[in-house]
């Protein structure tokens, strides 16, 4: 792992059998200024319990190399021709409402996902905001989530 993981609000899950869905906003997390490694993002999801969904959302401009690297690290890659945020928000909300997971983790710095976290929490799903570095942290997402993590560089 190239970076570290720092808990902002909560901590490690008490129950390792807790099922976790991890949704990653690729265009907002995988920016040069954050220097985030996909292995670190996946490790953040695994800190919460059993990772049953790990999806990376990218737009149509994603390079084949990035797609291949994400798939090699165990991510299901979702390519959208429209707004990545809309597809991710719909998929995450749908999964949280279907009660198929115990925890929903969203890796992003975009406050557009605040309603998703709030809806999931109202449905009894533990929510987690994962920020791509301290400068990529969204206070709105952090405050909407039960727990928050920051992926740090070493």
N, C-alpha and C. Protein backbone atom coordinates (compact mmCIF):
# COMPACT_ATOMS: atom_id res chain seq x y z
N UNK A 1 0.85 -1.17 0.00
CA UNK A 1 0.00 0.00 0.00
C UNK A 1 0.89 1.23 0.00
N UNK A 2 0.65 2.16 -0.90
CA UNK A 2 1.51 3.32 -1.01
C UNK A 2 1.13 4.42 -0.05
N UNK A 3 -0.12 4.52 0.33
CA UNK A 3 -0.55 5.57 1.22
C UNK A 3 -1.11 4.99 2.50
N UNK A 4 -1.48 5.89 3.40
CA UNK A 4 -2.08 5.46 4.65
C UNK A 4 -3.55 5.79 4.66
N UNK A 5 -4.22 5.32 5.68
CA UNK A 5 -5.64 5.53 5.83
C UNK A 5 -5.87 6.10 7.21
N UNK A 6 -6.52 7.25 7.28
CA UNK A 6 -6.77 7.88 8.56
C UNK A 6 -8.27 8.03 8.77
N UNK A 7 -8.75 7.52 9.89
CA UNK A 7 -10.16 7.65 10.23
C UNK A 7 -10.41 9.08 10.70
N UNK A 8 -11.49 9.68 10.20
CA UNK A 8 -11.81 11.04 10.59
C UNK A 8 -12.90 11.03 11.66
N UNK A 9 -13.93 10.21 11.48
CA UNK A 9 -15.04 10.20 12.43
C UNK A 9 -15.11 8.93 13.25
N UNK A 10 -15.03 7.81 12.58
CA UNK A 10 -15.26 6.54 13.25
C UNK A 10 -14.01 5.71 13.31
N UNK A 11 -14.16 4.46 12.99
CA UNK A 11 -13.02 3.57 13.03
C UNK A 11 -13.33 2.32 12.25
N UNK A 12 -12.59 1.30 12.56
CA UNK A 12 -12.76 0.02 11.89
C UNK A 12 -14.08 -0.62 12.32
N UNK A 13 -14.67 -1.35 11.41
CA UNK A 13 -15.93 -2.02 11.71
C UNK A 13 -15.73 -3.01 12.84
N UNK A 14 -16.74 -3.10 13.71
CA UNK A 14 -16.70 -4.07 14.81
C UNK A 14 -16.94 -5.48 14.31
N UNK A 15 -17.65 -5.60 13.20
CA UNK A 15 -18.03 -6.91 12.69
C UNK A 15 -17.41 -7.12 11.31
N UNK A 16 -16.42 -8.00 11.23
CA UNK A 16 -15.76 -8.26 9.96
C UNK A 16 -16.69 -8.93 8.95
N UNK A 17 -17.84 -9.43 9.41
CA UNK A 17 -18.79 -10.07 8.51
C UNK A 17 -19.75 -9.06 7.90
N UNK A 18 -19.64 -7.81 8.30
CA UNK A 18 -20.48 -6.76 7.73
C UNK A 18 -20.21 -6.66 6.24
N UNK A 19 -21.25 -6.63 5.42
CA UNK A 19 -21.07 -6.52 3.98
C UNK A 19 -20.98 -5.05 3.58
N UNK A 20 -20.07 -4.79 2.65
CA UNK A 20 -19.76 -3.41 2.27
C UNK A 20 -19.82 -3.25 0.76
N UNK A 21 -20.43 -2.16 0.32
CA UNK A 21 -20.41 -1.77 -1.09
C UNK A 21 -19.57 -0.51 -1.21
N UNK A 22 -18.58 -0.54 -2.07
CA UNK A 22 -17.67 0.59 -2.29
C UNK A 22 -17.91 1.15 -3.69
N UNK A 23 -18.25 2.43 -3.75
CA UNK A 23 -18.47 3.12 -5.01
C UNK A 23 -17.44 4.24 -5.12
N UNK A 24 -16.69 4.25 -6.23
CA UNK A 24 -15.60 5.21 -6.40
C UNK A 24 -15.91 6.13 -7.57
N UNK A 25 -15.91 7.42 -7.29
CA UNK A 25 -16.11 8.47 -8.28
C UNK A 25 -14.76 8.75 -8.94
N UNK A 26 -14.46 7.99 -10.00
CA UNK A 26 -13.16 8.06 -10.65
C UNK A 26 -12.68 9.45 -11.03
N UNK A 27 -13.50 10.24 -11.75
CA UNK A 27 -13.03 11.56 -12.16
C UNK A 27 -12.69 12.49 -10.99
N UNK A 28 -13.30 12.27 -9.83
CA UNK A 28 -13.01 13.13 -8.68
C UNK A 28 -11.93 12.57 -7.77
N UNK A 29 -11.68 11.28 -7.82
CA UNK A 29 -10.70 10.66 -6.92
C UNK A 29 -9.35 10.46 -7.60
N UNK A 30 -9.38 10.05 -8.85
CA UNK A 30 -8.14 9.70 -9.55
C UNK A 30 -7.56 10.90 -10.29
N UNK A 31 -7.30 11.94 -9.57
CA UNK A 31 -6.70 13.16 -10.12
C UNK A 31 -5.23 13.20 -9.72
N UNK A 32 -4.42 13.77 -10.59
CA UNK A 32 -2.99 13.85 -10.31
C UNK A 32 -2.69 14.54 -8.98
N UNK A 33 -3.46 15.58 -8.64
CA UNK A 33 -3.15 16.33 -7.42
C UNK A 33 -3.39 15.52 -6.14
N UNK A 34 -4.17 14.44 -6.21
CA UNK A 34 -4.43 13.62 -5.02
C UNK A 34 -3.48 12.43 -4.93
N UNK A 35 -2.96 11.96 -6.04
CA UNK A 35 -2.02 10.84 -6.06
C UNK A 35 -2.56 9.63 -5.29
N UNK A 36 -3.80 9.27 -5.61
CA UNK A 36 -4.47 8.16 -4.93
C UNK A 36 -4.24 6.87 -5.70
N UNK A 37 -3.93 5.83 -4.97
CA UNK A 37 -3.73 4.50 -5.55
C UNK A 37 -5.01 3.69 -5.36
N UNK A 38 -5.45 3.00 -6.39
CA UNK A 38 -6.67 2.19 -6.30
C UNK A 38 -6.57 1.11 -5.22
N UNK A 39 -5.38 0.60 -4.97
CA UNK A 39 -5.20 -0.38 -3.90
C UNK A 39 -5.55 0.22 -2.54
N UNK A 40 -5.21 1.51 -2.34
CA UNK A 40 -5.53 2.18 -1.09
C UNK A 40 -7.03 2.40 -0.94
N UNK A 41 -7.69 2.70 -2.04
CA UNK A 41 -9.14 2.89 -2.00
C UNK A 41 -9.82 1.57 -1.65
N UNK A 42 -9.38 0.51 -2.28
CA UNK A 42 -9.95 -0.82 -1.99
C UNK A 42 -9.66 -1.22 -0.54
N UNK A 43 -8.47 -0.92 -0.05
CA UNK A 43 -8.13 -1.23 1.34
C UNK A 43 -9.05 -0.48 2.31
N UNK A 44 -9.40 0.75 1.96
CA UNK A 44 -10.34 1.51 2.79
C UNK A 44 -11.68 0.80 2.88
N UNK A 45 -12.15 0.26 1.77
CA UNK A 45 -13.39 -0.50 1.78
C UNK A 45 -13.30 -1.76 2.61
N UNK A 46 -12.17 -2.44 2.51
CA UNK A 46 -11.97 -3.68 3.28
C UNK A 46 -11.85 -3.42 4.78
N UNK A 47 -11.43 -2.22 5.16
CA UNK A 47 -11.37 -1.85 6.58
C UNK A 47 -12.75 -1.93 7.23
N UNK A 48 -13.78 -1.81 6.43
CA UNK A 48 -15.15 -1.74 6.94
C UNK A 48 -15.82 -3.09 7.09
N UNK A 49 -15.28 -4.11 6.44
CA UNK A 49 -15.90 -5.43 6.50
C UNK A 49 -15.64 -6.20 5.21
N UNK A 50 -16.58 -7.08 4.89
CA UNK A 50 -16.46 -7.91 3.69
C UNK A 50 -16.91 -7.11 2.46
N UNK A 51 -15.98 -6.84 1.57
CA UNK A 51 -16.25 -6.05 0.37
C UNK A 51 -16.99 -6.93 -0.65
N UNK A 52 -18.28 -6.66 -0.84
CA UNK A 52 -19.09 -7.47 -1.76
C UNK A 52 -19.33 -6.74 -3.09
N UNK A 53 -19.16 -5.44 -3.10
CA UNK A 53 -19.26 -4.64 -4.31
C UNK A 53 -18.11 -3.64 -4.29
N UNK A 54 -17.37 -3.56 -5.40
CA UNK A 54 -16.31 -2.56 -5.55
C UNK A 54 -16.41 -2.04 -6.98
N UNK A 55 -17.01 -0.86 -7.13
CA UNK A 55 -17.22 -0.30 -8.47
C UNK A 55 -16.49 1.02 -8.62
N UNK A 56 -15.83 1.13 -9.76
CA UNK A 56 -15.17 2.37 -10.14
C UNK A 56 -15.92 2.94 -11.32
N UNK A 57 -16.40 4.16 -11.18
CA UNK A 57 -17.15 4.83 -12.24
C UNK A 57 -16.23 5.79 -12.98
N UNK A 58 -16.22 5.66 -14.31
CA UNK A 58 -15.37 6.49 -15.16
C UNK A 58 -16.19 7.03 -16.32
N UNK A 59 -15.71 8.10 -16.93
CA UNK A 59 -16.40 8.62 -18.11
C UNK A 59 -15.79 8.02 -19.38
N UNK A 60 -16.34 8.38 -20.50
CA UNK A 60 -15.92 7.78 -21.78
C UNK A 60 -14.50 8.15 -22.18
N UNK A 61 -13.86 9.07 -21.46
CA UNK A 61 -12.49 9.47 -21.78
C UNK A 61 -11.44 8.65 -21.02
N UNK A 62 -11.88 7.69 -20.24
CA UNK A 62 -10.95 6.85 -19.47
C UNK A 62 -10.05 6.07 -20.42
N UNK A 63 -8.80 5.98 -20.06
CA UNK A 63 -7.84 5.26 -20.90
C UNK A 63 -7.98 3.76 -20.71
N UNK A 64 -7.69 2.99 -21.75
CA UNK A 64 -7.71 1.53 -21.60
C UNK A 64 -6.78 1.04 -20.49
N UNK A 65 -5.66 1.72 -20.30
CA UNK A 65 -4.73 1.33 -19.24
C UNK A 65 -5.33 1.48 -17.85
N UNK A 66 -6.08 2.57 -17.63
CA UNK A 66 -6.73 2.79 -16.35
C UNK A 66 -7.81 1.73 -16.11
N UNK A 67 -8.58 1.45 -17.13
CA UNK A 67 -9.64 0.44 -17.02
C UNK A 67 -9.03 -0.92 -16.68
N UNK A 68 -7.98 -1.28 -17.39
CA UNK A 68 -7.32 -2.57 -17.15
C UNK A 68 -6.72 -2.63 -15.74
N UNK A 69 -6.10 -1.55 -15.29
CA UNK A 69 -5.50 -1.52 -13.95
C UNK A 69 -6.58 -1.66 -12.88
N UNK A 70 -7.71 -1.00 -13.07
CA UNK A 70 -8.80 -1.08 -12.10
C UNK A 70 -9.36 -2.49 -12.03
N UNK A 71 -9.56 -3.11 -13.18
CA UNK A 71 -10.08 -4.47 -13.21
C UNK A 71 -9.09 -5.45 -12.57
N UNK A 72 -7.80 -5.23 -12.78
CA UNK A 72 -6.78 -6.08 -12.19
C UNK A 72 -6.77 -5.98 -10.66
N UNK A 73 -7.24 -4.86 -10.14
CA UNK A 73 -7.29 -4.65 -8.69
C UNK A 73 -8.65 -5.04 -8.10
N UNK A 74 -9.48 -5.68 -8.92
CA UNK A 74 -10.75 -6.20 -8.41
C UNK A 74 -11.93 -5.27 -8.49
N UNK A 75 -11.81 -4.19 -9.22
CA UNK A 75 -12.93 -3.27 -9.37
C UNK A 75 -13.77 -3.66 -10.57
N UNK A 76 -15.07 -3.54 -10.43
CA UNK A 76 -15.97 -3.58 -11.58
C UNK A 76 -15.98 -2.16 -12.13
N UNK A 77 -15.61 -1.99 -13.38
CA UNK A 77 -15.53 -0.66 -13.97
C UNK A 77 -16.82 -0.36 -14.72
N UNK A 78 -17.41 0.79 -14.41
CA UNK A 78 -18.63 1.25 -15.07
C UNK A 78 -18.27 2.50 -15.85
N UNK A 79 -18.43 2.42 -17.17
CA UNK A 79 -18.14 3.58 -18.04
C UNK A 79 -19.46 4.25 -18.40
N UNK A 80 -19.52 5.55 -18.22
CA UNK A 80 -20.74 6.28 -18.57
C UNK A 80 -20.45 7.27 -19.69
N UNK A 81 -21.42 7.44 -20.55
CA UNK A 81 -21.27 8.44 -21.60
C UNK A 81 -21.80 9.79 -21.13
N UNK A 82 -22.52 9.78 -20.04
CA UNK A 82 -23.04 11.02 -19.46
C UNK A 82 -22.32 11.34 -18.16
N UNK A 83 -23.05 11.88 -17.23
CA UNK A 83 -22.51 12.30 -15.96
C UNK A 83 -22.24 11.10 -15.05
N UNK A 84 -21.00 10.93 -14.65
CA UNK A 84 -20.60 9.84 -13.76
C UNK A 84 -21.37 9.92 -12.45
N UNK A 85 -21.54 11.13 -11.92
CA UNK A 85 -22.20 11.31 -10.63
C UNK A 85 -23.62 10.76 -10.62
N UNK A 86 -24.36 10.99 -11.69
CA UNK A 86 -25.75 10.54 -11.75
C UNK A 86 -25.83 9.02 -11.72
N UNK A 87 -25.03 8.35 -12.54
CA UNK A 87 -25.04 6.89 -12.59
C UNK A 87 -24.62 6.30 -11.24
N UNK A 88 -23.56 6.83 -10.66
CA UNK A 88 -23.09 6.33 -9.37
C UNK A 88 -24.16 6.54 -8.30
N UNK A 89 -24.75 7.71 -8.26
CA UNK A 89 -25.77 8.02 -7.25
C UNK A 89 -26.98 7.09 -7.36
N UNK A 90 -27.43 6.85 -8.58
CA UNK A 90 -28.57 5.96 -8.78
C UNK A 90 -28.23 4.55 -8.35
N UNK A 91 -27.08 4.05 -8.79
CA UNK A 91 -26.68 2.68 -8.44
C UNK A 91 -26.50 2.51 -6.93
N UNK A 92 -25.85 3.47 -6.28
CA UNK A 92 -25.59 3.37 -4.84
C UNK A 92 -26.90 3.44 -4.05
N UNK A 93 -27.78 4.34 -4.45
CA UNK A 93 -29.06 4.47 -3.75
C UNK A 93 -29.90 3.21 -3.92
N UNK A 94 -29.93 2.70 -5.14
CA UNK A 94 -30.69 1.48 -5.41
C UNK A 94 -30.18 0.32 -4.55
N UNK A 95 -28.89 0.17 -4.48
CA UNK A 95 -28.32 -0.92 -3.70
C UNK A 95 -28.62 -0.75 -2.21
N UNK A 96 -28.52 0.48 -1.71
CA UNK A 96 -28.80 0.74 -0.29
C UNK A 96 -30.26 0.49 0.04
N UNK A 97 -31.17 0.80 -0.85
CA UNK A 97 -32.59 0.61 -0.60
C UNK A 97 -33.01 -0.84 -0.74
N UNK A 98 -32.26 -1.62 -1.50
CA UNK A 98 -32.56 -3.04 -1.66
C UNK A 98 -32.12 -3.85 -0.45
N UNK A 99 -31.44 -3.20 0.50
CA UNK A 99 -30.99 -3.84 1.73
C UNK A 99 -30.07 -5.04 1.46
N UNK A 100 -29.22 -4.90 0.45
CA UNK A 100 -28.29 -5.97 0.12
C UNK A 100 -26.94 -5.82 0.79
N UNK A 101 -26.69 -4.69 1.44
CA UNK A 101 -25.41 -4.47 2.11
C UNK A 101 -25.64 -3.82 3.47
N UNK A 102 -24.67 -4.02 4.34
CA UNK A 102 -24.73 -3.40 5.67
C UNK A 102 -24.13 -2.00 5.67
N UNK A 103 -23.15 -1.77 4.78
CA UNK A 103 -22.47 -0.47 4.74
C UNK A 103 -22.27 -0.02 3.30
N UNK A 104 -22.40 1.28 3.11
CA UNK A 104 -22.19 1.91 1.81
C UNK A 104 -21.06 2.92 1.95
N UNK A 105 -19.99 2.71 1.18
CA UNK A 105 -18.85 3.63 1.19
C UNK A 105 -18.75 4.31 -0.16
N UNK A 106 -18.64 5.63 -0.14
CA UNK A 106 -18.46 6.39 -1.38
C UNK A 106 -17.15 7.14 -1.29
N UNK A 107 -16.29 6.88 -2.28
CA UNK A 107 -15.01 7.58 -2.37
C UNK A 107 -15.19 8.72 -3.36
N UNK A 108 -15.17 9.93 -2.85
CA UNK A 108 -15.36 11.11 -3.68
C UNK A 108 -15.05 12.35 -2.85
N UNK A 109 -14.99 13.47 -3.51
CA UNK A 109 -14.89 14.76 -2.84
C UNK A 109 -16.08 15.63 -3.23
N UNK A 110 -17.03 15.02 -3.93
CA UNK A 110 -18.17 15.72 -4.51
C UNK A 110 -19.37 15.71 -3.56
N UNK A 111 -19.86 16.87 -3.22
CA UNK A 111 -21.00 16.97 -2.31
C UNK A 111 -22.30 16.49 -2.93
N UNK A 112 -22.30 16.20 -4.23
CA UNK A 112 -23.50 15.66 -4.88
C UNK A 112 -23.95 14.35 -4.25
N UNK A 113 -23.05 13.66 -3.57
CA UNK A 113 -23.39 12.35 -3.00
C UNK A 113 -23.94 12.43 -1.58
N UNK A 114 -24.04 13.62 -1.04
CA UNK A 114 -24.59 13.80 0.31
C UNK A 114 -26.01 13.22 0.41
N UNK A 115 -26.92 13.49 -0.52
CA UNK A 115 -28.26 12.89 -0.42
C UNK A 115 -28.26 11.37 -0.47
N UNK A 116 -27.31 10.79 -1.19
CA UNK A 116 -27.21 9.33 -1.27
C UNK A 116 -26.87 8.77 0.11
N UNK A 117 -25.88 9.37 0.77
CA UNK A 117 -25.49 8.92 2.10
C UNK A 117 -26.63 9.10 3.10
N UNK A 118 -27.33 10.21 3.00
CA UNK A 118 -28.44 10.46 3.92
C UNK A 118 -29.58 9.46 3.71
N UNK A 119 -29.91 9.17 2.48
CA UNK A 119 -30.99 8.21 2.18
C UNK A 119 -30.60 6.82 2.66
N UNK A 120 -29.36 6.43 2.41
CA UNK A 120 -28.89 5.11 2.86
C UNK A 120 -28.96 5.01 4.39
N UNK A 121 -28.54 6.05 5.08
CA UNK A 121 -28.57 6.05 6.54
C UNK A 121 -30.00 5.94 7.05
N UNK A 122 -30.93 6.64 6.42
CA UNK A 122 -32.34 6.55 6.82
C UNK A 122 -32.89 5.14 6.60
N UNK A 123 -32.26 4.40 5.70
CA UNK A 123 -32.70 3.03 5.42
C UNK A 123 -31.94 2.01 6.28
N UNK A 124 -31.16 2.49 7.25
CA UNK A 124 -30.47 1.59 8.17
C UNK A 124 -29.13 1.10 7.69
N UNK A 125 -28.59 1.69 6.65
CA UNK A 125 -27.29 1.29 6.11
C UNK A 125 -26.22 2.21 6.71
N UNK A 126 -25.15 1.61 7.21
CA UNK A 126 -24.01 2.40 7.71
C UNK A 126 -23.37 3.10 6.52
N UNK A 127 -23.04 4.36 6.67
CA UNK A 127 -22.48 5.14 5.56
C UNK A 127 -21.07 5.61 5.89
N UNK A 128 -20.25 5.64 4.83
CA UNK A 128 -18.84 6.02 4.99
C UNK A 128 -18.44 6.92 3.82
N UNK A 129 -17.80 8.01 4.13
CA UNK A 129 -17.23 8.90 3.11
C UNK A 129 -15.72 8.68 3.09
N UNK A 130 -15.18 8.41 1.92
CA UNK A 130 -13.73 8.22 1.76
C UNK A 130 -13.20 9.36 0.91
N UNK A 131 -12.29 10.12 1.48
CA UNK A 131 -11.75 11.29 0.79
C UNK A 131 -10.38 10.98 0.20
N UNK A 132 -10.13 11.50 -1.01
CA UNK A 132 -8.82 11.30 -1.65
C UNK A 132 -7.80 12.32 -1.16
N UNK A 133 -7.36 12.18 0.06
CA UNK A 133 -6.39 13.12 0.61
C UNK A 133 -7.06 14.23 1.37
N UNK A 134 -6.31 14.89 2.23
CA UNK A 134 -6.87 15.94 3.08
C UNK A 134 -7.47 17.08 2.27
N UNK A 135 -6.83 17.44 1.15
CA UNK A 135 -7.34 18.55 0.36
C UNK A 135 -8.52 18.12 -0.52
N UNK A 136 -8.75 16.83 -0.61
CA UNK A 136 -9.89 16.33 -1.37
C UNK A 136 -11.08 16.01 -0.48
N UNK A 137 -10.97 16.36 0.78
CA UNK A 137 -12.02 16.04 1.75
C UNK A 137 -13.18 17.02 1.63
N UNK A 138 -14.38 16.49 1.64
CA UNK A 138 -15.58 17.30 1.63
C UNK A 138 -16.21 17.27 3.02
N UNK A 139 -16.31 18.43 3.66
CA UNK A 139 -16.93 18.48 4.98
C UNK A 139 -18.38 18.03 4.91
N UNK A 140 -19.07 18.38 3.83
CA UNK A 140 -20.49 18.00 3.69
C UNK A 140 -20.64 16.48 3.63
N UNK A 141 -19.79 15.81 2.86
CA UNK A 141 -19.86 14.34 2.81
C UNK A 141 -19.47 13.74 4.15
N UNK A 142 -18.42 14.24 4.74
CA UNK A 142 -17.95 13.73 6.03
C UNK A 142 -19.05 13.86 7.08
N UNK A 143 -19.72 15.00 7.11
CA UNK A 143 -20.76 15.23 8.11
C UNK A 143 -22.03 14.43 7.85
N UNK A 144 -22.27 14.04 6.62
CA UNK A 144 -23.45 13.25 6.27
C UNK A 144 -23.26 11.77 6.58
N UNK A 145 -22.02 11.34 6.69
CA UNK A 145 -21.70 9.92 6.86
C UNK A 145 -21.55 9.55 8.34
N UNK A 146 -21.77 8.27 8.62
CA UNK A 146 -21.51 7.76 9.97
C UNK A 146 -20.01 7.79 10.27
N UNK A 147 -19.21 7.43 9.27
CA UNK A 147 -17.76 7.37 9.40
C UNK A 147 -17.11 8.04 8.20
N UNK A 148 -15.87 8.48 8.38
CA UNK A 148 -15.15 9.09 7.28
C UNK A 148 -13.67 8.71 7.36
N UNK A 149 -13.09 8.47 6.20
CA UNK A 149 -11.67 8.15 6.09
C UNK A 149 -11.03 9.09 5.10
N UNK A 150 -9.76 9.37 5.33
CA UNK A 150 -8.95 10.14 4.39
C UNK A 150 -7.81 9.24 3.95
N UNK A 151 -7.63 9.09 2.64
CA UNK A 151 -6.50 8.33 2.12
C UNK A 151 -5.33 9.29 2.07
N UNK A 152 -4.27 8.95 2.78
CA UNK A 152 -3.12 9.83 2.88
C UNK A 152 -1.93 9.27 2.13
N UNK A 153 -1.09 10.17 1.67
CA UNK A 153 0.17 9.77 1.04
C UNK A 153 1.18 9.46 2.13
N UNK A 154 2.10 8.55 1.81
CA UNK A 154 3.19 8.28 2.75
C UNK A 154 4.34 9.17 2.46
